[in-house]
Amino acid sequence: MRSELSIRKFSILLPVALFCASRAVLVRAAEPARAAEPQAQEAAGPFARVPLGFPMNSLSPYISEETVEYHYGKHYKANVDALNKLVAGKPEAAMSLDKIIMTAAPGPLFNNAAQTWNHAFYFSSLRPDGGGEPSGLLAGAINRDFGSFAKFREAYAAAAQTLFGSGWTWLVLDAGRLKVVQTFNADLPMKHGQTPLFVLDVWEHAYYIDYRNARPKYIDAVFDHLINWDFAAANYARAVAVGS
């Protein structure tokens, strides 16, 4: 079934539609405006980067324009380009991104599909003038499941700081409860039956230009200034509505 938003170039299903049958649909809980500057031309193929919802310099000084240019413009793009090459002329070219992730064997196809999805979710989890604390239903759920926002932040920061090597730290909804989880390399919550609400990329390319090996400073900067709580709250509300 095609949605009105069906565009094969943006076949990235965000959390509340991870298992829907519709292919090539971009579901985004808090649709950001397109970036002020044009994006680089994508390689030919069915998949593309999600449009960056803000100018590349607008996360500065907490995440520099140089970091965004390399992260969004090179690392993320490399995953999308590799994925398009891997599916060219194969049945996977007609599949949704989540279908590839759920059915691909471990290896290059899964890695590049999952990293394409993870990066789309990460860049949607950030916004200029973000950070602070959420409100509404999500704030209530955090207090219920962690005891307070302060305890949640402490647990999240500890998970992000102690993840050894490369990976991601997520706030997820799992069987009706909020949890902080780590995934390594390209792994992601949908493979474990969990619904992600927001994510922090803790691969070194996400922060090394700005913070070198001081990962805790990067984590604090995102929490204080950049988390897109509107995106996370909308993901939570939709997940609750469908009974995740």
C-alpha atoms as a PDB file:
ATOM      1  CA  MET A   1       0.000   0.000   0.000  1.00  0.00           C
ATOM      2  CA  ARG A   2       1.465   3.340  -0.994  1.00  0.00           C
ATOM      3  CA  SER A   3       1.159   6.295   1.336  1.00  0.00           C
ATOM      4  CA  GLU A   4       0.798   9.821  -0.023  1.00  0.00           C
ATOM      5  CA  LEU A   5       4.364  10.253   1.179  1.00  0.00           C
ATOM      6  CA  SER A   6       5.562   7.256  -0.807  1.00  0.00           C
ATOM      7  CA  ILE A   7       8.850   8.074  -2.473  1.00  0.00           C
ATOM      8  CA  ARG A   8      11.308   5.279  -3.054  1.00  0.00           C
ATOM      9  CA  LYS A   9      14.142   7.751  -2.597  1.00  0.00           C
ATOM     10  CA  PHE A  10      13.102   8.108   1.068  1.00  0.00           C
ATOM     11  CA  SER A  11      12.373   4.516   2.004  1.00  0.00           C
ATOM     12  CA  ILE A  12      13.183   4.926   5.690  1.00  0.00           C
ATOM     13  CA  LEU A  13      10.598   3.761   8.219  1.00  0.00           C
ATOM     14  CA  LEU A  14      10.905   5.417  11.594  1.00  0.00           C
ATOM     15  CA  PRO A  15       9.829   3.648  14.749  1.00  0.00           C
ATOM     16  CA  VAL A  16       6.066   3.481  14.793  1.00  0.00           C
ATOM     17  CA  ALA A  17       5.890   1.984  11.314  1.00  0.00           C
ATOM     18  CA  LEU A  18       8.760  -0.444  11.502  1.00  0.00           C
ATOM     19  CA  PHE A  19       6.654  -3.428  10.608  1.00  0.00           C
ATOM     20  CA  CYS A  20       4.008  -1.924   8.331  1.00  0.00           C
ATOM     21  CA  ALA A  21       3.514  -3.496   4.933  1.00  0.00           C
ATOM     22  CA  SER A  22       3.776  -0.272   2.994  1.00  0.00           C
ATOM     23  CA  ARG A  23       7.076   0.055   1.133  1.00  0.00           C
ATOM     24  CA  ALA A  24       9.045   3.187   0.359  1.00  0.00           C
ATOM     25  CA  VAL A  25       7.363   5.354   2.995  1.00  0.00           C
ATOM     26  CA  LEU A  26       9.147   7.954   5.055  1.00  0.00           C
ATOM     27  CA  VAL A  27       7.464   8.167   8.458  1.00  0.00           C
ATOM     28  CA  ARG A  28       8.868  10.907  10.657  1.00  0.00           C
ATOM     29  CA  ALA A  29       7.351  11.854  13.967  1.00  0.00           C
ATOM     30  CA  ALA A  30       8.462  15.482  13.854  1.00  0.00           C
ATOM     31  CA  GLU A  31       8.930  16.479  10.232  1.00  0.00           C
ATOM     32  CA  PRO A  32      11.756  19.028  10.059  1.00  0.00           C
ATOM     33  CA  ALA A  33      12.064  21.691   7.437  1.00  0.00           C
ATOM     34  CA  ARG A  34      14.510  21.043   4.620  1.00  0.00           C
ATOM     35  CA  ALA A  35      17.999  22.389   5.063  1.00  0.00           C
ATOM     36  CA  ALA A  36      18.717  25.901   3.913  1.00  0.00           C
ATOM     37  CA  GLU A  37      21.449  24.765   1.552  1.00  0.00           C
ATOM     38  CA  PRO A  38      21.016  22.136  -1.179  1.00  0.00           C
ATOM     39  CA  GLN A  39      22.225  18.645  -0.382  1.00  0.00           C
ATOM     40  CA  ALA A  40      24.769  16.660  -2.381  1.00  0.00           C
ATOM     41  CA  GLN A  41      23.442  14.606  -5.264  1.00  0.00           C
ATOM     42  CA  GLU A  42      22.671  11.043  -4.248  1.00  0.00           C
ATOM     43  CA  ALA A  43      23.883   8.015  -6.148  1.00  0.00           C
ATOM     44  CA  ALA A  44      21.264   6.479  -8.433  1.00  0.00           C
ATOM     45  CA  GLY A  45      19.183   3.928  -6.577  1.00  0.00           C
ATOM     46  CA  PRO A  46      16.060   3.432  -4.493  1.00  0.00           C
ATOM     47  CA  PHE A  47      17.457   4.795  -1.223  1.00  0.00           C
ATOM     48  CA  ALA A  48      18.600   8.270  -0.213  1.00  0.00           C
ATOM     49  CA  ARG A  49      19.535  10.198   2.872  1.00  0.00           C
ATOM     50  CA  VAL A  50      16.711  11.747   4.839  1.00  0.00           C
ATOM     51  CA  PRO A  51      16.827  15.522   4.232  1.00  0.00           C
ATOM     52  CA  LEU A  52      18.771  17.285   6.945  1.00  0.00           C
ATOM     53  CA  GLY A  53      16.249  19.317   8.933  1.00  0.00           C
ATOM     54  CA  PHE A  54      18.547  22.264   9.655  1.00  0.00           C
ATOM     55  CA  PRO A  55      21.525  24.102   8.121  1.00  0.00           C
ATOM     56  CA  MET A  56      24.803  22.288   8.643  1.00  0.00           C
ATOM     57  CA  ASN A  57      26.197  25.077  10.810  1.00  0.00           C
ATOM     58  CA  SER A  58      23.178  25.397  13.104  1.00  0.00           C
ATOM     59  CA  LEU A  59      24.259  22.805  15.709  1.00  0.00           C
ATOM     60  CA  SER A  60      27.442  24.776  16.382  1.00  0.00           C
ATOM     61  CA  PRO A  61      29.214  25.186  18.750  1.00  0.00           C
ATOM     62  CA  TYR A  62      28.024  21.900  20.253  1.00  0.00           C
ATOM     63  CA  ILE A  63      28.445  19.936  17.010  1.00  0.00           C
ATOM     64  CA  SER A  64      30.465  21.829  14.442  1.00  0.00           C
ATOM     65  CA  GLU A  65      29.625  22.381  10.812  1.00  0.00           C
ATOM     66  CA  GLU A  66      32.732  20.380   9.927  1.00  0.00           C
ATOM     67  CA  THR A  67      31.455  17.383  11.888  1.00  0.00           C
ATOM     68  CA  VAL A  68      28.029  17.560  10.227  1.00  0.00           C
ATOM     69  CA  GLU A  69      29.634  17.860   6.793  1.00  0.00           C
ATOM     70  CA  TYR A  70      31.687  14.723   7.386  1.00  0.00           C
ATOM     71  CA  HIS A  71      29.035  12.779   9.283  1.00  0.00           C
ATOM     72  CA  TYR A  72      25.977  13.572   7.161  1.00  0.00           C
ATOM     73  CA  GLY A  73      27.806  14.392   3.943  1.00  0.00           C
ATOM     74  CA  LYS A  74      30.330  11.536   3.875  1.00  0.00           C
ATOM     75  CA  HIS A  75      29.758   8.736   6.433  1.00  0.00           C
ATOM     76  CA  TYR A  76      25.967   8.584   6.087  1.00  0.00           C
ATOM     77  CA  LYS A  77      26.140   9.101   2.324  1.00  0.00           C
ATOM     78  CA  ALA A  78      28.698   6.292   2.029  1.00  0.00           C
ATOM     79  CA  ASN A  79      26.231   3.891   3.671  1.00  0.00           C
ATOM     80  CA  VAL A  80      23.446   4.941   1.309  1.00  0.00           C
ATOM     81  CA  ASP A  81      25.679   4.690  -1.766  1.00  0.00           C
ATOM     82  CA  ALA A  82      26.929   1.249  -0.719  1.00  0.00           C
ATOM     83  CA  LEU A  83      23.367   0.068  -0.076  1.00  0.00           C
ATOM     84  CA  ASN A  84      22.235   1.206  -3.515  1.00  0.00           C
ATOM     85  CA  LYS A  85      25.108  -0.668  -5.147  1.00  0.00           C
ATOM     86  CA  LEU A  86      24.358  -3.816  -3.157  1.00  0.00           C
ATOM     87  CA  VAL A  87      20.673  -3.905  -4.148  1.00  0.00           C
ATOM     88  CA  ALA A  88      21.103  -2.870  -7.782  1.00  0.00           C
ATOM     89  CA  GLY A  89      19.368  -5.382 -10.044  1.00  0.00           C
ATOM     90  CA  LYS A  90      18.220  -7.509  -7.090  1.00  0.00           C
ATOM     91  CA  PRO A  91      14.806  -8.069  -5.446  1.00  0.00           C
ATOM     92  CA  GLU A  92      15.920  -5.991  -2.454  1.00  0.00           C
ATOM     93  CA  ALA A  93      15.781  -2.883  -4.656  1.00  0.00           C
ATOM     94  CA  ALA A  94      11.978  -3.104  -4.443  1.00  0.00           C
ATOM     95  CA  MET A  95      11.890  -3.717  -0.678  1.00  0.00           C
ATOM     96  CA  SER A  96      11.426  -1.197   2.088  1.00  0.00           C
ATOM     97  CA  LEU A  97      14.443  -0.464   4.220  1.00  0.00           C
ATOM     98  CA  ASP A  98      12.990  -2.155   7.295  1.00  0.00           C
ATOM     99  CA  LYS A  99      12.220  -5.312   5.297  1.00  0.00           C
ATOM    100  CA  ILE A 100      15.845  -5.526   4.200  1.00  0.00           C
ATOM    101  CA  ILE A 101      17.028  -5.014   7.777  1.00  0.00           C
ATOM    102  CA  MET A 102      14.739  -7.719   9.141  1.00  0.00           C
ATOM    103  CA  THR A 103      15.544 -10.319   6.481  1.00  0.00           C
ATOM    104  CA  ALA A 104      19.176  -9.741   5.458  1.00  0.00           C
ATOM    105  CA  ALA A 105      21.848 -12.097   6.698  1.00  0.00           C
ATOM    106  CA  PRO A 106      24.712 -10.573   8.714  1.00  0.00           C
ATOM    107  CA  GLY A 107      27.122  -8.854   6.375  1.00  0.00           C
ATOM    108  CA  PRO A 108      27.415  -5.842   4.068  1.00  0.00           C
ATOM    109  CA  LEU A 109      23.738  -5.645   3.034  1.00  0.00           C
ATOM    110  CA  PHE A 110      22.473  -5.639   6.605  1.00  0.00           C
ATOM    111  CA  ASN A 111      25.238  -3.320   7.806  1.00  0.00           C
ATOM    112  CA  ASN A 112      24.615  -0.636   5.201  1.00  0.00           C
ATOM    113  CA  ALA A 113      20.820  -0.874   5.403  1.00  0.00           C
ATOM    114  CA  ALA A 114      20.882  -0.630   9.184  1.00  0.00           C
ATOM    115  CA  GLN A 115      23.385   2.226   9.186  1.00  0.00           C
ATOM    116  CA  THR A 116      21.249   4.083   6.653  1.00  0.00           C
ATOM    117  CA  TRP A 117      18.275   3.711   9.020  1.00  0.00           C
ATOM    118  CA  ASN A 118      20.311   4.560  12.132  1.00  0.00           C
ATOM    119  CA  HIS A 119      21.726   7.740  10.639  1.00  0.00           C
ATOM    120  CA  ALA A 120      18.302   8.918   9.482  1.00  0.00           C
ATOM    121  CA  PHE A 121      17.010   8.422  13.017  1.00  0.00           C
ATOM    122  CA  TYR A 122      20.017  10.123  14.599  1.00  0.00           C
ATOM    123  CA  PHE A 123      19.785  13.273  12.506  1.00  0.00           C
ATOM    124  CA  SER A 124      16.051  13.435  13.257  1.00  0.00           C
ATOM    125  CA  SER A 125      16.892  13.164  16.978  1.00  0.00           C
ATOM    126  CA  LEU A 126      18.810  16.470  16.892  1.00  0.00           C
ATOM    127  CA  ARG A 127      17.672  20.053  16.535  1.00  0.00           C
ATOM    128  CA  PRO A 128      19.169  23.493  17.105  1.00  0.00           C
ATOM    129  CA  ASP A 129      18.004  24.980  20.411  1.00  0.00           C
ATOM    130  CA  GLY A 130      16.993  21.556  21.672  1.00  0.00           C
ATOM    131  CA  GLY A 131      17.985  19.755  24.846  1.00  0.00           C
ATOM    132  CA  GLY A 132      16.700  20.325  28.328  1.00  0.00           C
ATOM    133  CA  GLU A 133      13.842  18.125  29.538  1.00  0.00           C
ATOM    134  CA  PRO A 134      10.763  16.745  27.757  1.00  0.00           C
ATOM    135  CA  SER A 135       7.218  17.497  28.839  1.00  0.00           C
ATOM    136  CA  GLY A 136       3.845  15.829  28.644  1.00  0.00           C
ATOM    137  CA  LEU A 137       3.351  12.074  28.280  1.00  0.00           C
ATOM    138  CA  LEU A 138       7.012  11.308  27.665  1.00  0.00           C
ATOM    139  CA  ALA A 139       8.100  13.200  30.771  1.00  0.00           C
ATOM    140  CA  GLY A 140       5.584  11.242  32.801  1.00  0.00           C
ATOM    141  CA  ALA A 141       6.805   7.944  31.386  1.00  0.00           C
ATOM    142  CA  ILE A 142      10.428   8.830  32.176  1.00  0.00           C
ATOM    143  CA  ASN A 143       9.502   9.634  35.772  1.00  0.00           C
ATOM    144  CA  ARG A 144       7.518   6.391  36.024  1.00  0.00           C
ATOM    145  CA  ASP A 145      10.217   4.117  34.631  1.00  0.00           C
ATOM    146  CA  PHE A 146      13.411   5.800  35.886  1.00  0.00           C
ATOM    147  CA  GLY A 147      12.226   7.634  38.989  1.00  0.00           C
ATOM    148  CA  SER A 148      13.106  11.108  37.709  1.00  0.00           C
ATOM    149  CA  PHE A 149      14.579  12.836  34.691  1.00  0.00           C
ATOM    150  CA  ALA A 150      17.875  13.211  36.567  1.00  0.00           C
ATOM    151  CA  LYS A 151      18.075   9.448  37.125  1.00  0.00           C
ATOM    152  CA  PHE A 152      17.192   8.802  33.494  1.00  0.00           C
ATOM    153  CA  ARG A 153      19.898  11.168  32.286  1.00  0.00           C
ATOM    154  CA  GLU A 154      22.427   9.547  34.590  1.00  0.00           C
ATOM    155  CA  ALA A 155      21.539   6.073  33.272  1.00  0.00           C
ATOM    156  CA  TYR A 156      21.607   7.226  29.652  1.00  0.00           C
ATOM    157  CA  ALA A 157      24.931   9.036  29.996  1.00  0.00           C
ATOM    158  CA  ALA A 158      26.485   6.011  31.707  1.00  0.00           C
ATOM    159  CA  ALA A 159      25.337   3.725  28.884  1.00  0.00           C
ATOM    160  CA  ALA A 160      26.634   6.104  26.218  1.00  0.00           C
ATOM    161  CA  GLN A 161      29.973   6.621  27.970  1.00  0.00           C
ATOM    162  CA  THR A 162      30.634   2.947  28.653  1.00  0.00           C
ATOM    163  CA  LEU A 163      29.710   1.546  25.254  1.00  0.00           C
ATOM    164  CA  PHE A 164      33.002  -0.030  24.224  1.00  0.00           C
ATOM    165  CA  GLY A 165      33.966   0.597  20.623  1.00  0.00           C
ATOM    166  CA  SER A 166      31.447   1.844  18.077  1.00  0.00           C
ATOM    167  CA  GLY A 167      27.688   1.887  18.368  1.00  0.00           C
ATOM    168  CA  TRP A 168      24.525   3.652  19.474  1.00  0.00           C
ATOM    169  CA  THR A 169      22.690   4.462  22.702  1.00  0.00           C
ATOM    170  CA  TRP A 170      18.883   4.510  22.515  1.00  0.00           C
ATOM    171  CA  LEU A 171      15.854   5.408  24.556  1.00  0.00           C
ATOM    172  CA  VAL A 172      13.346   2.716  23.593  1.00  0.00           C
ATOM    173  CA  LEU A 173       9.880   1.522  24.457  1.00  0.00           C
ATOM    174  CA  ASP A 174       9.991  -2.190  25.227  1.00  0.00           C
ATOM    175  CA  ALA A 175       6.822  -4.037  26.282  1.00  0.00           C
ATOM    176  CA  GLY A 176       5.280  -0.792  27.493  1.00  0.00           C
ATOM    177  CA  ARG A 177       8.282   0.383  29.520  1.00  0.00           C
ATOM    178  CA  LEU A 178      11.053   2.835  28.713  1.00  0.00           C
ATOM    179  CA  LYS A 179      14.592   1.487  28.683  1.00  0.00           C
ATOM    180  CA  VAL A 180      18.068   2.721  27.815  1.00  0.00           C
ATOM    181  CA  VAL A 181      19.820   0.241  25.531  1.00  0.00           C
ATOM    182  CA  GLN A 182      23.153  -0.004  23.736  1.00  0.00           C
ATOM    183  CA  THR A 183      23.627  -1.485  20.294  1.00  0.00           C
ATOM    184  CA  PHE A 184      26.983  -2.186  18.695  1.00  0.00           C
ATOM    185  CA  ASN A 185      28.144  -1.389  15.179  1.00  0.00           C
ATOM    186  CA  ALA A 186      25.036  -1.403  12.931  1.00  0.00           C
ATOM    187  CA  ASP A 187      22.651  -3.187  15.306  1.00  0.00           C
ATOM    188  CA  LEU A 188      19.368  -1.423  16.091  1.00  0.00           C
ATOM    189  CA  PRO A 189      16.293  -1.834  18.325  1.00  0.00           C
ATOM    190  CA  MET A 190      13.908  -3.182  15.689  1.00  0.00           C
ATOM    191  CA  LYS A 191      15.950  -6.398  15.593  1.00  0.00           C
ATOM    192  CA  HIS A 192      15.052  -6.876  19.264  1.00  0.00           C
ATOM    193  CA  GLY A 193      11.350  -5.999  19.119  1.00  0.00           C
ATOM    194  CA  GLN A 194      11.877  -2.531  20.618  1.00  0.00           C
ATOM    195  CA  THR A 195      10.602   0.872  19.455  1.00  0.00           C
ATOM    196  CA  PRO A 196      13.257   3.633  19.481  1.00  0.00           C
ATOM    197  CA  LEU A 197      12.363   7.130  20.654  1.00  0.00           C
ATOM    198  CA  PHE A 198      15.714   8.846  20.124  1.00  0.00           C
ATOM    199  CA  VAL A 199      19.349   7.843  19.681  1.00  0.00           C
ATOM    200  CA  LEU A 200      22.857   9.125  20.258  1.00  0.00           C
ATOM    201  CA  ASP A 201      25.522   8.057  17.787  1.00  0.00           C
ATOM    202  CA  VAL A 202      28.692   7.199  19.709  1.00  0.00           C
ATOM    203  CA  TRP A 203      30.833   6.154  16.767  1.00  0.00           C
ATOM    204  CA  GLU A 204      33.919   8.353  16.942  1.00  0.00           C
ATOM    205  CA  HIS A 205      33.114  10.116  13.675  1.00  0.00           C
ATOM    206  CA  ALA A 206      30.068  11.647  15.426  1.00  0.00           C
ATOM    207  CA  TYR A 207      32.159  13.633  17.890  1.00  0.00           C
ATOM    208  CA  TYR A 208      35.935  13.251  17.449  1.00  0.00           C
ATOM    209  CA  ILE A 209      36.524  16.448  15.457  1.00  0.00           C
ATOM    210  CA  ASP A 210      34.898  18.512  18.212  1.00  0.00           C
ATOM    211  CA  TYR A 211      35.675  16.581  21.396  1.00  0.00           C
ATOM    212  CA  ARG A 212      38.555  14.227  20.535  1.00  0.00           C
ATOM    213  CA  ASN A 213      38.348  11.367  23.056  1.00  0.00           C
ATOM    214  CA  ALA A 214      36.131  13.300  25.515  1.00  0.00           C
ATOM    215  CA  ARG A 215      32.925  11.425  24.732  1.00  0.00           C
ATOM    216  CA  PRO A 216      31.233  12.549  27.998  1.00  0.00           C
ATOM    217  CA  LYS A 217      31.441  16.197  26.891  1.00  0.00           C
ATOM    218  CA  TYR A 218      29.679  15.308  23.621  1.00  0.00           C
ATOM    219  CA  ILE A 219      26.943  13.463  25.531  1.00  0.00           C
ATOM    220  CA  ASP A 220      26.408  16.401  27.879  1.00  0.00           C
ATOM    221  CA  ALA A 221      26.322  18.899  25.007  1.00  0.00           C
ATOM    222  CA  VAL A 222      23.616  16.926  23.208  1.00  0.00           C
ATOM    223  CA  PHE A 223      21.545  16.550  26.376  1.00  0.00           C
ATOM    224  CA  ASP A 224      21.862  20.207  27.275  1.00  0.00           C
ATOM    225  CA  HIS A 225      21.395  21.759  23.839  1.00  0.00           C
ATOM    226  CA  LEU A 226      20.472  19.428  20.972  1.00  0.00           C
ATOM    227  CA  ILE A 227      18.043  16.590  21.775  1.00  0.00           C
ATOM    228  CA  ASN A 228      14.882  16.929  19.692  1.00  0.00           C
ATOM    229  CA  TRP A 229      12.368  16.117  22.422  1.00  0.00           C
ATOM    230  CA  ASP A 230       9.460  16.879  20.077  1.00  0.00           C
ATOM    231  CA  PHE A 231      10.609  14.012  17.863  1.00  0.00           C
ATOM    232  CA  ALA A 232      11.030  11.649  20.810  1.00  0.00           C
ATOM    233  CA  ALA A 233       7.685  12.632  22.332  1.00  0.00           C
ATOM    234  CA  ALA A 234       5.842  12.116  19.061  1.00  0.00           C
ATOM    235  CA  ASN A 235       7.484   8.704  18.614  1.00  0.00           C
ATOM    236  CA  TYR A 236       6.368   7.770  22.127  1.00  0.00           C
ATOM    237  CA  ALA A 237       2.805   8.981  21.619  1.00  0.00           C
ATOM    238  CA  ARG A 238       2.450   7.051  18.357  1.00  0.00           C
ATOM    239  CA  ALA A 239       3.968   3.908  19.798  1.00  0.00           C
ATOM    240  CA  VAL A 240       1.584   4.011  22.758  1.00  0.00           C
ATOM    241  CA  ALA A 241      -1.331   4.599  20.417  1.00  0.00           C
ATOM    242  CA  VAL A 242      -0.553   1.422  18.456  1.00  0.00           C
ATOM    243  CA  GLY A 243       0.196  -0.557  21.600  1.00  0.00           C
ATOM    244  CA  SER A 244       3.971  -1.061  21.260  1.00  0.00           C
END
